[in-house]
Amino acid sequence: MSAPDPFTPVPVARRHAPADDRTVDLSAPRPGPRGGTGAAPAAPVPATPDLSTLPETTWDDDVEAPFALAPAQAGVHLGTGRDGRPVALPCPGPAGTRVAAVGESLFGRLIALRLLATGALVTAAARDPGPWQGIRRAAGDRLAFTEDPAAWPRHTPAPPAVDAGPQALVSDQRRAPSSALAAGPWRTVLHVTRNPPRGAAFWHHPDVLLALGADHADAVGRLLGAEAARLTSLLAPGEVVLFRVGTAEVLRPDIAPGEHEILTAGTS
């Protein structure tokens, strides 16, 4: 006999009490709280306190307390920082995001895969579409290819679940995309290359700059200065550094086994 389903009520046998021929007269006087009859007396109403006897505090409204609202560091998950906290790439969002990454094109495919998971439509401006085949099979028509980034976006960018949703362009071409492409809501433009093109407007003050290894310290130094180059040169194997305005975070990318299988499907 199987055990009963814990969500199914089990009938319980009832016990029969002996019959009681007494009746209750609801019109009869009820005993009071001290054994008398009649309704219980109402509780006394507390007296209003003398406000002049209460403690008081004088507030100095002229003091300017430091207070500010900052946007939450939300977005596409990148990895885990040295302090154990998750680190995110701030996209997609209501403002356009320009991401410059110094390193291998595999990083562009990883971010494209995660942007697709957020509901964004991704267009790849790829020098070699071959390594993208695993993502193409997983994403279907939500991933498109273009040789001319200037024709992007293919749909009007919109918030998630509205029309075509956010739009993303991921490029590993030698020539950087126009910086104007990221100007507008719900659009993300990422350019990843080992050799940032000198003089490209896209690489001047991007929203995010990533160095995907210590061997890119010289390129980072040309873009952000000596201190950023020094931090990049001290990266341990497997670490990357994310630079934003006024901050730098060192992290290790987190790649799930399923992601690795998709990203490497077209490389063999």
Protein backbone atom coordinates (compact mmCIF):
# COMPACT_ATOMS: atom_id res chain seq x y z
CA MET A 1 0.00 0.00 0.00
CA SER A 2 1.56 3.32 -1.07
CA ALA A 3 2.09 6.18 1.35
CA PRO A 4 -0.56 8.88 1.24
CA ASP A 5 0.14 12.03 -0.77
CA PRO A 6 1.21 14.70 1.77
CA PHE A 7 -1.03 17.22 -0.02
CA THR A 8 -4.14 15.00 0.20
CA PRO A 9 -6.28 15.39 3.36
CA VAL A 10 -6.59 12.15 5.37
CA PRO A 11 -10.01 11.50 7.00
CA VAL A 12 -9.89 11.37 10.80
CA ALA A 13 -12.32 9.27 12.81
CA ARG A 14 -14.71 11.37 14.85
CA ARG A 15 -15.35 10.74 18.54
CA HIS A 16 -18.97 10.87 19.67
CA ALA A 17 -19.54 12.88 22.84
CA PRO A 18 -22.49 11.88 25.09
CA ALA A 19 -25.71 13.68 24.35
CA ASP A 20 -26.39 16.72 26.49
CA ASP A 21 -30.09 17.55 26.95
CA ARG A 22 -29.27 20.94 28.44
CA THR A 23 -30.09 24.01 26.43
CA VAL A 24 -28.54 27.46 26.52
CA ASP A 25 -30.83 30.44 26.96
CA LEU A 26 -29.18 33.18 24.90
CA SER A 27 -31.57 35.76 26.36
CA ALA A 28 -30.52 35.08 29.94
CA PRO A 29 -28.16 37.50 31.72
CA ARG A 30 -24.52 36.55 31.23
CA PRO A 31 -22.04 36.50 34.09
CA GLY A 32 -19.88 39.54 34.41
CA PRO A 33 -16.11 39.49 34.85
CA ARG A 34 -16.43 39.24 38.65
CA GLY A 35 -19.29 36.76 38.79
CA GLY A 36 -22.15 39.28 38.50
CA THR A 37 -24.50 39.60 35.57
CA GLY A 38 -24.70 42.02 32.68
CA ALA A 39 -22.24 43.27 30.12
CA ALA A 40 -18.58 43.73 31.01
CA PRO A 41 -17.67 47.35 31.75
CA ALA A 42 -15.86 49.23 28.98
CA ALA A 43 -12.12 49.83 29.35
CA PRO A 44 -11.28 53.32 30.60
CA VAL A 45 -10.16 55.81 27.95
CA PRO A 46 -6.58 56.91 28.63
CA ALA A 47 -6.17 60.59 29.34
CA THR A 48 -4.46 62.80 26.77
CA PRO A 49 -0.91 63.46 27.98
CA ASP A 50 0.33 66.95 28.64
CA LEU A 51 2.46 67.63 25.56
CA SER A 52 4.63 70.08 27.47
CA THR A 53 5.92 67.22 29.60
CA LEU A 54 7.10 65.08 26.65
CA PRO A 55 10.79 65.01 25.62
CA GLU A 56 11.67 67.17 22.62
CA THR A 57 14.52 67.44 20.12
CA THR A 58 15.51 70.40 18.01
CA TRP A 59 16.30 69.47 14.38
CA ASP A 60 18.92 71.42 12.46
CA ASP A 61 17.58 71.39 8.90
CA ASP A 62 20.53 73.41 7.62
CA VAL A 63 22.94 70.47 7.96
CA GLU A 64 23.60 68.90 4.53
CA ALA A 65 23.80 65.16 5.08
CA PRO A 66 25.70 63.29 2.32
CA PHE A 67 23.10 61.41 0.31
CA ALA A 68 23.17 60.10 -3.24
CA LEU A 69 21.44 57.52 -5.39
CA ALA A 70 23.62 55.30 -7.56
CA PRO A 71 22.47 52.84 -10.25
CA ALA A 72 22.61 49.17 -9.31
CA GLN A 73 25.45 47.24 -10.90
CA ALA A 74 23.13 44.98 -12.87
CA GLY A 75 23.49 43.51 -16.33
CA VAL A 76 25.04 40.50 -18.05
CA HIS A 77 26.98 38.30 -15.64
CA LEU A 78 30.72 38.21 -16.37
CA GLY A 79 32.33 36.40 -13.49
CA THR A 80 33.43 36.54 -9.86
CA GLY A 81 35.60 39.28 -8.39
CA ARG A 82 38.51 38.77 -6.02
CA ASP A 83 36.17 39.59 -3.13
CA GLY A 84 33.80 36.78 -4.14
CA ARG A 85 31.04 39.06 -5.42
CA PRO A 86 29.52 38.69 -8.91
CA VAL A 87 30.64 41.19 -11.54
CA ALA A 88 28.25 42.21 -14.33
CA LEU A 89 28.60 43.98 -17.66
CA PRO A 90 26.12 46.90 -17.54
CA CYS A 91 23.93 46.01 -20.49
CA PRO A 92 21.38 45.90 -21.95
CA GLY A 93 19.83 48.98 -20.43
CA PRO A 94 17.72 52.05 -21.10
CA ALA A 95 20.88 53.92 -22.13
CA GLY A 96 23.18 52.78 -24.92
CA THR A 97 26.34 50.93 -23.85
CA ARG A 98 29.68 50.98 -25.68
CA VAL A 99 31.97 48.10 -24.69
CA ALA A 100 35.59 47.88 -25.83
CA ALA A 101 37.44 44.61 -25.13
CA VAL A 102 41.15 43.95 -25.70
CA GLY A 103 41.60 40.23 -26.30
CA GLU A 104 40.37 37.22 -28.23
CA SER A 105 37.14 37.12 -30.23
CA LEU A 106 35.87 34.25 -28.05
CA PHE A 107 34.90 36.89 -25.49
CA GLY A 108 32.61 38.54 -28.04
CA ARG A 109 30.83 35.25 -28.66
CA LEU A 110 30.42 34.66 -24.91
CA ILE A 111 28.81 38.08 -24.41
CA ALA A 112 26.63 37.56 -27.48
CA LEU A 113 25.37 34.27 -26.03
CA ARG A 114 24.52 35.92 -22.73
CA LEU A 115 22.85 38.88 -24.40
CA LEU A 116 20.69 36.43 -26.32
CA ALA A 117 19.74 34.84 -22.99
CA THR A 118 18.51 38.23 -21.75
CA GLY A 119 16.13 38.52 -24.71
CA ALA A 120 18.27 40.80 -26.90
CA LEU A 121 18.54 40.32 -30.65
CA VAL A 122 22.21 40.04 -31.62
CA THR A 123 23.90 40.95 -34.89
CA ALA A 124 27.45 39.68 -35.40
CA ALA A 125 29.95 41.54 -37.58
CA ALA A 126 32.37 38.61 -37.66
CA ARG A 127 35.54 38.20 -39.68
CA ASP A 128 34.96 34.43 -39.60
CA PRO A 129 31.37 33.20 -39.04
CA GLY A 130 32.58 29.63 -38.56
CA PRO A 131 33.09 29.77 -34.76
CA TRP A 132 29.59 31.23 -34.44
CA GLN A 133 27.82 28.13 -35.73
CA GLY A 134 27.09 26.69 -32.29
CA ILE A 135 25.41 29.95 -31.25
CA ARG A 136 23.55 30.13 -34.56
CA ARG A 137 22.04 26.66 -34.00
CA ALA A 138 21.04 27.60 -30.43
CA ALA A 139 19.68 31.07 -31.24
CA GLY A 140 18.03 30.57 -34.66
CA ASP A 141 16.87 33.79 -36.27
CA ARG A 142 17.60 35.79 -33.11
CA LEU A 143 21.22 35.90 -34.31
CA ALA A 144 22.02 37.61 -37.61
CA PHE A 145 25.27 38.34 -39.46
CA THR A 146 26.36 41.47 -41.25
CA GLU A 147 29.45 42.65 -43.10
CA ASP A 148 28.46 46.29 -42.72
CA PRO A 149 27.85 47.37 -39.10
CA ALA A 150 26.56 50.72 -40.38
CA ALA A 151 23.31 48.93 -41.37
CA TRP A 152 22.64 48.00 -37.74
CA PRO A 153 20.25 47.84 -35.89
CA ARG A 154 17.92 45.59 -37.82
CA HIS A 155 14.97 46.53 -35.56
CA THR A 156 14.15 49.57 -33.46
CA PRO A 157 15.65 48.93 -30.00
CA ALA A 158 13.03 48.62 -27.26
CA PRO A 159 12.79 47.46 -23.64
CA PRO A 160 12.66 43.72 -22.94
CA ALA A 161 9.37 42.08 -23.98
CA VAL A 162 8.40 45.16 -26.04
CA ASP A 163 8.39 44.76 -29.84
CA ALA A 164 11.78 43.37 -30.91
CA GLY A 165 13.38 44.15 -27.54
CA PRO A 166 16.98 45.29 -26.96
CA GLN A 167 19.44 45.18 -29.88
CA ALA A 168 23.12 44.26 -29.68
CA LEU A 169 25.99 44.45 -32.17
CA VAL A 170 29.10 42.34 -31.54
CA SER A 171 32.06 42.95 -33.83
CA ASP A 172 35.52 41.39 -34.08
CA GLN A 173 36.40 43.18 -37.30
CA ARG A 174 39.65 45.11 -37.49
CA ARG A 175 37.81 48.36 -38.04
CA ALA A 176 35.90 49.61 -35.01
CA PRO A 177 32.17 50.34 -35.28
CA SER A 178 31.01 53.93 -35.27
CA SER A 179 30.65 55.27 -31.74
CA ALA A 180 27.32 56.80 -32.80
CA LEU A 181 25.79 53.33 -33.09
CA ALA A 182 25.61 53.04 -29.30
CA ALA A 183 23.92 56.42 -28.91
CA GLY A 184 20.34 55.60 -28.04
CA PRO A 185 18.24 53.51 -25.65
CA TRP A 186 18.34 49.72 -25.35
CA ARG A 187 21.33 49.15 -27.60
CA THR A 188 24.70 47.55 -26.86
CA VAL A 189 27.73 47.70 -29.15
CA LEU A 190 30.80 45.59 -28.37
CA HIS A 191 34.09 45.60 -30.26
CA VAL A 192 36.70 43.00 -29.35
CA THR A 193 40.18 42.98 -30.86
CA ARG A 194 43.77 42.25 -29.85
CA ASN A 195 44.95 45.51 -31.42
CA PRO A 196 42.69 48.50 -30.71
CA PRO A 197 42.75 50.74 -33.80
CA ARG A 198 44.56 53.96 -33.05
CA GLY A 199 42.42 57.03 -33.49
CA ALA A 200 39.10 55.13 -33.54
CA ALA A 201 36.43 57.22 -31.82
CA PHE A 202 34.78 54.05 -30.48
CA TRP A 203 37.80 53.43 -28.23
CA HIS A 204 37.90 56.92 -26.77
CA HIS A 205 36.19 56.88 -23.37
CA PRO A 206 33.93 53.82 -23.85
CA ASP A 207 31.39 53.02 -21.14
CA VAL A 208 33.33 49.84 -20.34
CA LEU A 209 36.83 48.73 -21.29
CA LEU A 210 37.98 45.17 -20.61
CA ALA A 211 41.50 43.76 -20.74
CA LEU A 212 41.36 40.00 -21.16
CA GLY A 213 44.80 39.19 -19.78
CA ALA A 214 48.06 40.66 -18.49
CA ASP A 215 49.66 40.64 -21.96
CA HIS A 216 47.36 43.52 -23.00
CA ALA A 217 48.88 45.97 -20.50
CA ASP A 218 50.61 48.06 -23.19
CA ALA A 219 47.38 48.56 -25.15
CA VAL A 220 45.53 49.50 -21.96
CA GLY A 221 48.27 51.96 -21.07
CA ARG A 222 47.84 53.78 -24.39
CA LEU A 223 44.10 54.08 -23.72
CA LEU A 224 43.82 54.67 -19.97
CA GLY A 225 47.26 55.55 -18.70
CA ALA A 226 50.09 54.10 -16.64
CA GLU A 227 48.09 53.08 -13.54
CA ALA A 228 45.61 51.05 -15.61
CA ALA A 229 48.53 49.45 -17.45
CA ARG A 230 50.18 48.50 -14.14
CA LEU A 231 46.95 46.91 -12.83
CA THR A 232 46.55 44.96 -16.07
CA SER A 233 50.15 43.71 -15.95
CA LEU A 234 49.52 42.24 -12.48
CA LEU A 235 46.60 40.04 -13.58
CA ALA A 236 47.01 36.39 -12.67
CA PRO A 237 46.44 33.72 -15.35
CA GLY A 238 42.70 33.48 -16.04
CA GLU A 239 41.89 36.93 -14.67
CA VAL A 240 40.50 39.91 -16.59
CA VAL A 241 39.98 43.50 -15.55
CA LEU A 242 36.92 45.66 -16.17
CA PHE A 243 37.39 49.44 -16.23
CA ARG A 244 34.48 51.82 -15.76
CA VAL A 245 34.46 55.52 -14.98
CA GLY A 246 36.31 55.83 -11.68
CA THR A 247 36.47 52.08 -10.94
CA ALA A 248 38.34 48.93 -11.90
CA GLU A 249 37.32 45.36 -11.02
CA VAL A 250 39.46 42.26 -11.40
CA LEU A 251 37.51 39.06 -11.95
CA ARG A 252 37.60 35.52 -13.23
CA PRO A 253 35.04 34.76 -15.95
CA ASP A 254 32.45 32.10 -15.12
CA ILE A 255 31.62 29.86 -18.07
CA ALA A 256 29.07 27.07 -17.63
CA PRO A 257 29.66 23.68 -19.30
CA GLY A 258 26.67 24.25 -21.59
CA GLU A 259 28.06 27.60 -22.68
CA HIS A 260 31.46 26.07 -23.38
CA GLU A 261 29.85 23.39 -25.55
CA ILE A 262 27.96 26.00 -27.60
CA LEU A 263 30.95 28.34 -27.93
CA THR A 264 33.31 25.64 -29.14
CA ALA A 265 30.88 23.78 -31.41
CA GLY A 266 32.13 25.48 -34.58
CA THR A 267 35.85 25.57 -33.78
CA SER A 268 36.84 21.95 -34.43
